[in-house]
Amino acid sequence: MMLRFVTDNDFNEDIVTALLAERPGLDLVRIRDVGLRNAADPDSLAWAASAGRIVLTHDRKTMPDFAYQRVRLR
């Protein structure tokens, strides 16, 4: 099974560029590329879950709390 990733709006674009250069076949999209440029964290997480993607983020202030909330509600 191939891992599928999505980067949120806070993720460093230089890292995205480097990842895609190193692994051209990497299944990685940016949240803005799927029409969610200004989405709130819970909406980004909901989209990622529905799309079967792992979220890459640098947002350590709010994203972990929203992610834990989603897990608790399952």
N, C-alpha and C. Protein backbone atom coordinates (compact mmCIF):
# COMPACT_ATOMS: atom_id res chain seq x y z
N MET A 1 0.84 -1.18 0.00
CA MET A 1 0.00 0.00 0.00
C MET A 1 0.89 1.25 0.00
N MET A 2 0.58 2.14 -0.87
CA MET A 2 1.34 3.39 -0.96
C MET A 2 0.76 4.42 0.00
N LEU A 3 1.64 5.09 0.73
CA LEU A 3 1.19 6.14 1.63
C LEU A 3 0.79 7.37 0.82
N ARG A 4 -0.27 8.03 1.28
CA ARG A 4 -0.79 9.22 0.61
C ARG A 4 -0.73 10.37 1.60
N PHE A 5 -0.18 11.50 1.18
CA PHE A 5 0.03 12.63 2.06
C PHE A 5 -0.70 13.88 1.57
N VAL A 6 -0.98 14.76 2.51
CA VAL A 6 -1.46 16.10 2.20
C VAL A 6 -0.73 17.06 3.14
N THR A 7 -0.28 18.19 2.61
CA THR A 7 0.35 19.20 3.45
C THR A 7 -0.67 20.29 3.74
N ASP A 8 -0.68 20.75 4.97
CA ASP A 8 -1.59 21.84 5.30
C ASP A 8 -0.95 23.17 4.91
N ASN A 9 -1.67 24.24 5.16
CA ASN A 9 -1.20 25.56 4.77
C ASN A 9 0.03 26.02 5.51
N ASP A 10 0.35 25.41 6.64
CA ASP A 10 1.50 25.80 7.44
C ASP A 10 2.78 25.07 7.05
N PHE A 11 2.68 24.09 6.17
CA PHE A 11 3.84 23.26 5.87
C PHE A 11 4.82 24.00 4.96
N ASN A 12 6.10 23.86 5.24
CA ASN A 12 7.16 24.54 4.52
C ASN A 12 7.22 24.09 3.06
N GLU A 13 7.05 25.04 2.16
CA GLU A 13 7.03 24.74 0.73
C GLU A 13 8.38 24.21 0.23
N ASP A 14 9.48 24.63 0.84
CA ASP A 14 10.79 24.11 0.45
C ASP A 14 10.89 22.61 0.70
N ILE A 15 10.27 22.16 1.76
CA ILE A 15 10.28 20.72 2.06
C ILE A 15 9.45 19.97 1.04
N VAL A 16 8.30 20.53 0.68
CA VAL A 16 7.46 19.90 -0.35
C VAL A 16 8.24 19.76 -1.65
N THR A 17 8.89 20.83 -2.06
CA THR A 17 9.68 20.82 -3.29
C THR A 17 10.78 19.76 -3.23
N ALA A 18 11.48 19.69 -2.11
CA ALA A 18 12.55 18.71 -1.95
C ALA A 18 12.02 17.28 -1.96
N LEU A 19 10.92 17.04 -1.28
CA LEU A 19 10.32 15.70 -1.26
C LEU A 19 9.95 15.24 -2.66
N LEU A 20 9.30 16.13 -3.40
CA LEU A 20 8.86 15.77 -4.75
C LEU A 20 10.04 15.61 -5.70
N ALA A 21 11.11 16.35 -5.47
CA ALA A 21 12.31 16.19 -6.30
C ALA A 21 13.00 14.86 -6.01
N GLU A 22 13.02 14.48 -4.74
CA GLU A 22 13.67 13.24 -4.33
C GLU A 22 12.84 12.02 -4.69
N ARG A 23 11.53 12.14 -4.58
CA ARG A 23 10.61 11.04 -4.85
C ARG A 23 9.51 11.52 -5.80
N PRO A 24 9.79 11.58 -7.10
CA PRO A 24 8.82 12.11 -8.06
C PRO A 24 7.46 11.41 -8.03
N GLY A 25 7.41 10.15 -7.66
CA GLY A 25 6.16 9.42 -7.62
C GLY A 25 5.40 9.54 -6.31
N LEU A 26 5.93 10.34 -5.38
CA LEU A 26 5.31 10.48 -4.07
C LEU A 26 3.89 11.02 -4.21
N ASP A 27 2.96 10.38 -3.56
CA ASP A 27 1.55 10.81 -3.61
C ASP A 27 1.34 11.89 -2.56
N LEU A 28 1.60 13.12 -2.93
CA LEU A 28 1.53 14.25 -2.02
C LEU A 28 0.79 15.38 -2.71
N VAL A 29 -0.23 15.90 -2.03
CA VAL A 29 -0.94 17.08 -2.51
C VAL A 29 -0.90 18.14 -1.43
N ARG A 30 -1.08 19.36 -1.84
CA ARG A 30 -1.19 20.47 -0.89
C ARG A 30 -2.67 20.73 -0.65
N ILE A 31 -3.02 21.07 0.56
CA ILE A 31 -4.42 21.30 0.89
C ILE A 31 -5.01 22.38 0.00
N ARG A 32 -4.20 23.36 -0.37
CA ARG A 32 -4.68 24.43 -1.25
C ARG A 32 -5.00 23.92 -2.65
N ASP A 33 -4.33 22.84 -3.06
CA ASP A 33 -4.56 22.28 -4.40
C ASP A 33 -5.91 21.57 -4.51
N VAL A 34 -6.53 21.29 -3.39
CA VAL A 34 -7.84 20.61 -3.42
C VAL A 34 -8.96 21.58 -3.05
N GLY A 35 -8.66 22.88 -3.14
CA GLY A 35 -9.69 23.90 -2.92
C GLY A 35 -9.90 24.29 -1.47
N LEU A 36 -8.95 23.97 -0.61
CA LEU A 36 -9.12 24.27 0.81
C LEU A 36 -8.05 25.23 1.33
N ARG A 37 -7.68 26.20 0.52
CA ARG A 37 -6.61 27.14 0.88
C ARG A 37 -6.85 27.81 2.23
N ASN A 38 -8.06 28.22 2.51
CA ASN A 38 -8.36 28.94 3.75
C ASN A 38 -9.14 28.09 4.75
N ALA A 39 -9.05 26.78 4.60
CA ALA A 39 -9.80 25.89 5.48
C ALA A 39 -9.27 25.91 6.90
N ALA A 40 -10.17 25.80 7.84
CA ALA A 40 -9.79 25.65 9.25
C ALA A 40 -9.20 24.26 9.45
N ASP A 41 -8.40 24.12 10.49
CA ASP A 41 -7.76 22.83 10.77
C ASP A 41 -8.75 21.66 10.81
N PRO A 42 -9.88 21.78 11.50
CA PRO A 42 -10.80 20.63 11.53
C PRO A 42 -11.30 20.25 10.13
N ASP A 43 -11.49 21.23 9.27
CA ASP A 43 -11.94 20.93 7.90
C ASP A 43 -10.84 20.24 7.10
N SER A 44 -9.61 20.68 7.29
CA SER A 44 -8.48 20.04 6.61
C SER A 44 -8.33 18.59 7.07
N LEU A 45 -8.46 18.37 8.36
CA LEU A 45 -8.36 17.01 8.90
C LEU A 45 -9.50 16.13 8.39
N ALA A 46 -10.69 16.68 8.32
CA ALA A 46 -11.85 15.92 7.81
C ALA A 46 -11.62 15.53 6.36
N TRP A 47 -11.12 16.47 5.55
CA TRP A 47 -10.86 16.17 4.15
C TRP A 47 -9.80 15.07 4.05
N ALA A 48 -8.72 15.22 4.80
CA ALA A 48 -7.63 14.25 4.75
C ALA A 48 -8.14 12.85 5.13
N ALA A 49 -8.95 12.78 6.16
CA ALA A 49 -9.50 11.49 6.59
C ALA A 49 -10.37 10.88 5.49
N SER A 50 -11.21 11.70 4.87
CA SER A 50 -12.09 11.18 3.83
C SER A 50 -11.31 10.76 2.59
N ALA A 51 -10.15 11.39 2.36
CA ALA A 51 -9.33 11.08 1.20
C ALA A 51 -8.26 10.02 1.51
N GLY A 52 -8.21 9.57 2.76
CA GLY A 52 -7.22 8.56 3.14
C GLY A 52 -5.80 9.07 3.09
N ARG A 53 -5.60 10.31 3.53
CA ARG A 53 -4.28 10.94 3.47
C ARG A 53 -3.74 11.25 4.86
N ILE A 54 -2.43 11.22 4.98
CA ILE A 54 -1.72 11.58 6.21
C ILE A 54 -1.38 13.06 6.11
N VAL A 55 -1.71 13.80 7.16
CA VAL A 55 -1.46 15.25 7.16
C VAL A 55 -0.05 15.54 7.63
N LEU A 56 0.66 16.34 6.82
CA LEU A 56 1.97 16.86 7.20
C LEU A 56 1.79 18.32 7.57
N THR A 57 2.24 18.69 8.76
CA THR A 57 2.04 20.06 9.24
C THR A 57 3.19 20.48 10.13
N HIS A 58 3.36 21.77 10.24
CA HIS A 58 4.30 22.33 11.22
C HIS A 58 3.52 22.98 12.36
N ASP A 59 2.22 22.92 12.30
CA ASP A 59 1.35 23.58 13.28
C ASP A 59 1.24 22.73 14.54
N ARG A 60 2.07 23.06 15.51
CA ARG A 60 2.05 22.31 16.77
C ARG A 60 1.15 22.95 17.81
N LYS A 61 0.62 24.13 17.52
CA LYS A 61 -0.23 24.82 18.49
C LYS A 61 -1.66 24.30 18.48
N THR A 62 -2.25 24.18 17.29
CA THR A 62 -3.66 23.82 17.25
C THR A 62 -3.95 22.47 16.61
N MET A 63 -3.16 22.08 15.61
CA MET A 63 -3.48 20.85 14.87
C MET A 63 -3.51 19.60 15.75
N PRO A 64 -2.57 19.40 16.67
CA PRO A 64 -2.65 18.18 17.50
C PRO A 64 -3.95 18.09 18.30
N ASP A 65 -4.41 19.19 18.85
CA ASP A 65 -5.66 19.15 19.63
C ASP A 65 -6.83 18.76 18.75
N PHE A 66 -6.90 19.34 17.55
CA PHE A 66 -8.00 18.99 16.64
C PHE A 66 -7.90 17.52 16.21
N ALA A 67 -6.69 17.04 15.99
CA ALA A 67 -6.52 15.64 15.62
C ALA A 67 -6.95 14.70 16.74
N TYR A 68 -6.56 15.03 17.98
CA TYR A 68 -6.99 14.20 19.11
C TYR A 68 -8.50 14.23 19.27
N GLN A 69 -9.12 15.36 19.05
CA GLN A 69 -10.58 15.45 19.13
C GLN A 69 -11.23 14.50 18.11
N ARG A 70 -10.69 14.49 16.90
CA ARG A 70 -11.24 13.60 15.87
C ARG A 70 -11.12 12.13 16.29
N VAL A 71 -9.98 11.76 16.86
CA VAL A 71 -9.77 10.39 17.29
C VAL A 71 -10.73 10.02 18.41
N ARG A 72 -10.91 10.93 19.36
CA ARG A 72 -11.81 10.65 20.49
C ARG A 72 -13.26 10.49 20.04
N LEU A 73 -13.65 11.17 18.99
CA LEU A 73 -15.04 11.10 18.51
C LEU A 73 -15.34 9.86 17.69
N ARG A 74 -14.32 9.11 17.34
CA ARG A 74 -14.53 7.92 16.51
C ARG A 74 -15.15 6.82 17.26
